[in-house]
Structure formats: structure tokens, C-alpha cells
């Protein structure tokens, strides 16, 4: 929200602000971001098909653009299937144009108007690695932050 102290935000403006203030008060926001900094991305190749595994909802036009990058980059692939909601959740992925008009999907694109471009870049890198012989592939093993059960409980049970 751009505030270091969420207590100054009026909860009456939006029910979501009230929830975040309650989470702030119960300590569940201490040391753990509301929005993940790292999200799990996977790209699989099965025969002539590629599977894009991503942790968000992607609009139709954004999906077509992402599929086009993988189809163009990954050797010997004729079809690309997108599997949203995989291994996590980070809101919507829209085109920059969709983001600009700020309808529901654009307003819930947590990483901003350049999110699709970032996903395209990362999936292109994964596709280039899959094009290499198995012995020379180098995939990043950066893992998303794991939230302790205590933090999850505080964030999901608002009566504490």
C-alpha cells in the first residue's frame, strides 16, 4: 500500500483493508510478504507437445502471446497447452493493454503491466534449456518462500 504502518489506512474504505489491518495486528505479516517474490514456473515437453505450468490466471490474449513464444522457441513442438493455477497462485497475468484499462483482470495483475513480458522471458529461457542435450541443461533451483503453518493459520483464521 506504500505505507509502513497500515494502521493509518481507514478500514471503512474496503473490507480487504480491514482484513490486512487485522493480519498486521496479529503479526501474520511480519517477515512474510503478502504477494510472493518468487513464483514456481515449469515447462514440460512430452513428444511434440509443451505444457506451460504457471501459478496464475492468464487472459486469453496473454495466453496466446505466451504460447507463441514457447512454440517459436522450443524445438520439435507442434502444440502448447497452458496449465494455470499450478503450484501456487499470484493473481492474473494480462497483456499491457488489458492492464492499462484496469478492468478486473488488470486490477488483479499483482506484478504490473510488464508481468506478461517477464513470464515470456522466463519461459523462453526454460524452452532454450529444454532444447539442449540433457547433460548440458542448467535450470535454476530458486524456490518460493515457504510460509510456516502458524503464519498461514493467522492469515486464514481471522478470529485469532
Protein backbone atom coordinates (compact mmCIF):
# COMPACT_ATOMS: atom_id res chain seq x y z
CA UNK A 1 0.00 0.00 0.00
CA UNK A 2 3.00 2.29 0.22
CA UNK A 3 2.58 2.63 3.99
CA UNK A 4 4.95 1.25 6.57
CA UNK A 5 2.18 1.36 9.17
CA UNK A 6 -1.12 0.02 7.84
CA UNK A 7 -2.89 1.31 10.95
CA UNK A 8 -3.26 4.69 9.23
CA UNK A 9 -5.39 3.15 6.46
CA UNK A 10 -9.14 3.52 7.10
CA UNK A 11 -10.71 0.06 7.24
CA UNK A 12 -14.07 1.54 6.29
CA UNK A 13 -12.84 2.12 2.71
CA UNK A 14 -12.71 -1.52 1.77
CA UNK A 15 -13.25 -4.88 3.51
CA UNK A 16 -9.86 -6.03 2.17
CA UNK A 17 -8.11 -3.23 4.06
CA UNK A 18 -9.87 -4.33 7.24
CA UNK A 19 -8.55 -7.86 6.74
CA UNK A 20 -4.99 -6.68 6.14
CA UNK A 21 -5.13 -4.44 9.22
CA UNK A 22 -6.27 -7.44 11.29
CA UNK A 23 -3.41 -9.54 9.86
CA UNK A 24 -0.98 -6.72 10.65
CA UNK A 25 -2.28 -6.58 14.23
CA UNK A 26 -2.00 -10.35 14.74
CA UNK A 27 1.59 -10.36 13.44
CA UNK A 28 0.98 -12.56 10.39
CA UNK A 29 2.56 -10.02 8.02
CA UNK A 30 5.85 -9.84 9.94
CA UNK A 31 8.66 -11.08 7.74
CA UNK A 32 6.41 -12.61 5.08
CA UNK A 33 5.23 -10.67 2.03
CA UNK A 34 1.55 -10.57 1.07
CA UNK A 35 2.49 -11.19 -2.56
CA UNK A 36 5.14 -13.83 -3.35
CA UNK A 37 8.51 -12.52 -4.60
CA UNK A 38 9.31 -15.83 -6.30
CA UNK A 39 6.76 -17.99 -8.10
CA UNK A 40 7.16 -21.56 -9.43
CA UNK A 41 7.40 -21.86 -13.22
CA UNK A 42 7.66 -25.14 -15.10
CA UNK A 43 7.84 -26.13 -18.74
CA UNK A 44 7.42 -29.74 -19.82
CA UNK A 45 7.87 -31.33 -23.21
CA UNK A 46 6.06 -34.57 -24.00
CA UNK A 47 6.63 -35.65 -27.56
CA UNK A 48 5.52 -32.79 -29.80
CA UNK A 49 3.54 -31.06 -27.04
CA UNK A 50 4.73 -28.50 -24.50
CA UNK A 51 2.99 -27.91 -21.16
CA UNK A 52 3.35 -24.49 -19.51
CA UNK A 53 2.75 -24.72 -15.78
CA UNK A 54 2.15 -21.35 -14.12
CA UNK A 55 0.75 -20.15 -10.79
CA UNK A 56 -1.79 -17.62 -12.02
CA UNK A 57 -4.82 -16.86 -14.12
CA UNK A 58 -3.94 -15.69 -17.60
CA UNK A 59 -6.24 -13.89 -20.00
CA UNK A 60 -6.95 -15.36 -23.44
CA UNK A 61 -4.84 -12.84 -25.34
CA UNK A 62 -1.95 -13.04 -22.86
CA UNK A 63 -2.07 -16.86 -23.10
CA UNK A 64 -1.86 -16.72 -26.89
CA UNK A 65 1.19 -14.46 -26.68
CA UNK A 66 2.90 -16.69 -24.12
CA UNK A 67 2.16 -19.85 -26.13
CA UNK A 68 3.55 -18.19 -29.27
CA UNK A 69 6.91 -17.55 -27.53
CA UNK A 70 7.21 -21.17 -26.38
CA UNK A 71 6.07 -22.56 -29.74
CA UNK A 72 8.62 -20.40 -31.57
CA UNK A 73 11.48 -21.25 -29.18
CA UNK A 74 11.04 -24.91 -28.25
CA UNK A 75 12.29 -27.33 -30.90
CA UNK A 76 10.03 -30.02 -32.36
CA UNK A 77 6.86 -28.76 -30.66
CA UNK A 78 3.59 -28.51 -32.53
CA UNK A 79 1.19 -27.71 -29.69
CA UNK A 80 1.43 -25.77 -26.43
CA UNK A 81 -1.00 -26.31 -23.55
CA UNK A 82 -1.21 -23.87 -20.69
CA UNK A 83 -1.87 -25.15 -17.15
CA UNK A 84 -2.77 -22.20 -14.92
CA UNK A 85 -3.16 -22.43 -11.13
CA UNK A 86 -0.15 -24.77 -10.90
CA UNK A 87 1.87 -24.97 -7.69
CA UNK A 88 0.79 -21.59 -6.35
CA UNK A 89 -1.32 -18.53 -7.01
CA UNK A 90 -0.28 -14.99 -7.89
CA UNK A 91 -3.32 -13.35 -9.41
CA UNK A 92 -3.89 -12.53 -13.06
CA UNK A 93 -1.48 -12.18 -15.96
CA UNK A 94 -2.71 -9.73 -18.58
CA UNK A 95 -1.37 -8.00 -21.65
CA UNK A 96 -0.05 -4.46 -21.10
CA UNK A 97 -3.12 -3.22 -22.97
CA UNK A 98 -5.51 -5.11 -20.68
CA UNK A 99 -3.62 -3.86 -17.64
CA UNK A 100 -3.97 -0.25 -18.77
CA UNK A 101 -7.77 -0.33 -18.89
CA UNK A 102 -7.85 -1.73 -15.31
CA UNK A 103 -10.89 -3.95 -15.59
CA UNK A 104 -10.99 -6.73 -13.01
CA UNK A 105 -8.15 -8.77 -14.54
CA UNK A 106 -5.86 -5.75 -14.99
CA UNK A 107 -6.59 -4.58 -11.48
CA UNK A 108 -5.65 -8.00 -10.11
CA UNK A 109 -2.39 -8.29 -12.04
CA UNK A 110 -0.16 -8.21 -8.96
CA UNK A 111 3.13 -7.65 -10.77
CA UNK A 112 2.00 -4.83 -13.05
CA UNK A 113 1.70 -4.24 -16.76
CA UNK A 114 5.03 -5.90 -17.60
CA UNK A 115 4.15 -9.22 -15.93
CA UNK A 116 3.40 -10.96 -19.23
CA UNK A 117 6.74 -9.85 -20.67
CA UNK A 118 8.51 -11.24 -17.61
CA UNK A 119 6.72 -14.58 -17.96
CA UNK A 120 7.54 -14.67 -21.69
CA UNK A 121 11.21 -14.05 -20.92
CA UNK A 122 11.39 -16.76 -18.26
CA UNK A 123 9.54 -19.38 -20.32
CA UNK A 124 11.75 -18.60 -23.30
CA UNK A 125 14.79 -19.30 -21.08
CA UNK A 126 13.24 -22.60 -19.98
CA UNK A 127 12.49 -23.52 -23.61
CA UNK A 128 16.07 -22.77 -24.64
CA UNK A 129 17.33 -25.04 -21.85
CA UNK A 130 14.99 -27.83 -22.95
CA UNK A 131 16.46 -27.55 -26.46
CA UNK A 132 19.88 -28.51 -25.10
CA UNK A 133 21.03 -32.10 -24.55
CA UNK A 134 20.06 -33.35 -21.10
CA UNK A 135 23.67 -33.43 -19.91
CA UNK A 136 24.18 -29.71 -20.57
CA UNK A 137 20.94 -28.30 -19.19
CA UNK A 138 21.18 -25.84 -16.31
CA UNK A 139 17.92 -24.95 -14.59
CA UNK A 140 17.63 -22.52 -11.70
CA UNK A 141 16.53 -24.01 -8.42
CA UNK A 142 15.35 -20.82 -6.76
CA UNK A 143 12.42 -21.83 -4.60
CA UNK A 144 9.47 -19.79 -3.40
CA UNK A 145 9.40 -18.79 0.25
CA UNK A 146 7.70 -21.38 2.41
CA UNK A 147 5.26 -19.97 4.93
CA UNK A 148 5.14 -21.63 8.36
CA UNK A 149 1.79 -23.15 9.31
CA UNK A 150 1.47 -20.59 12.12
CA UNK A 151 1.57 -17.71 9.62
CA UNK A 152 -0.90 -19.48 7.31
CA UNK A 153 -3.25 -20.06 10.25
CA UNK A 154 -3.08 -16.40 11.29
CA UNK A 155 -3.73 -15.22 7.74
CA UNK A 156 -6.67 -17.53 7.15
CA UNK A 157 -8.38 -17.58 10.55
CA UNK A 158 -9.37 -14.02 11.26
CA UNK A 159 -10.81 -14.76 14.69
CA UNK A 160 -7.32 -15.08 16.25
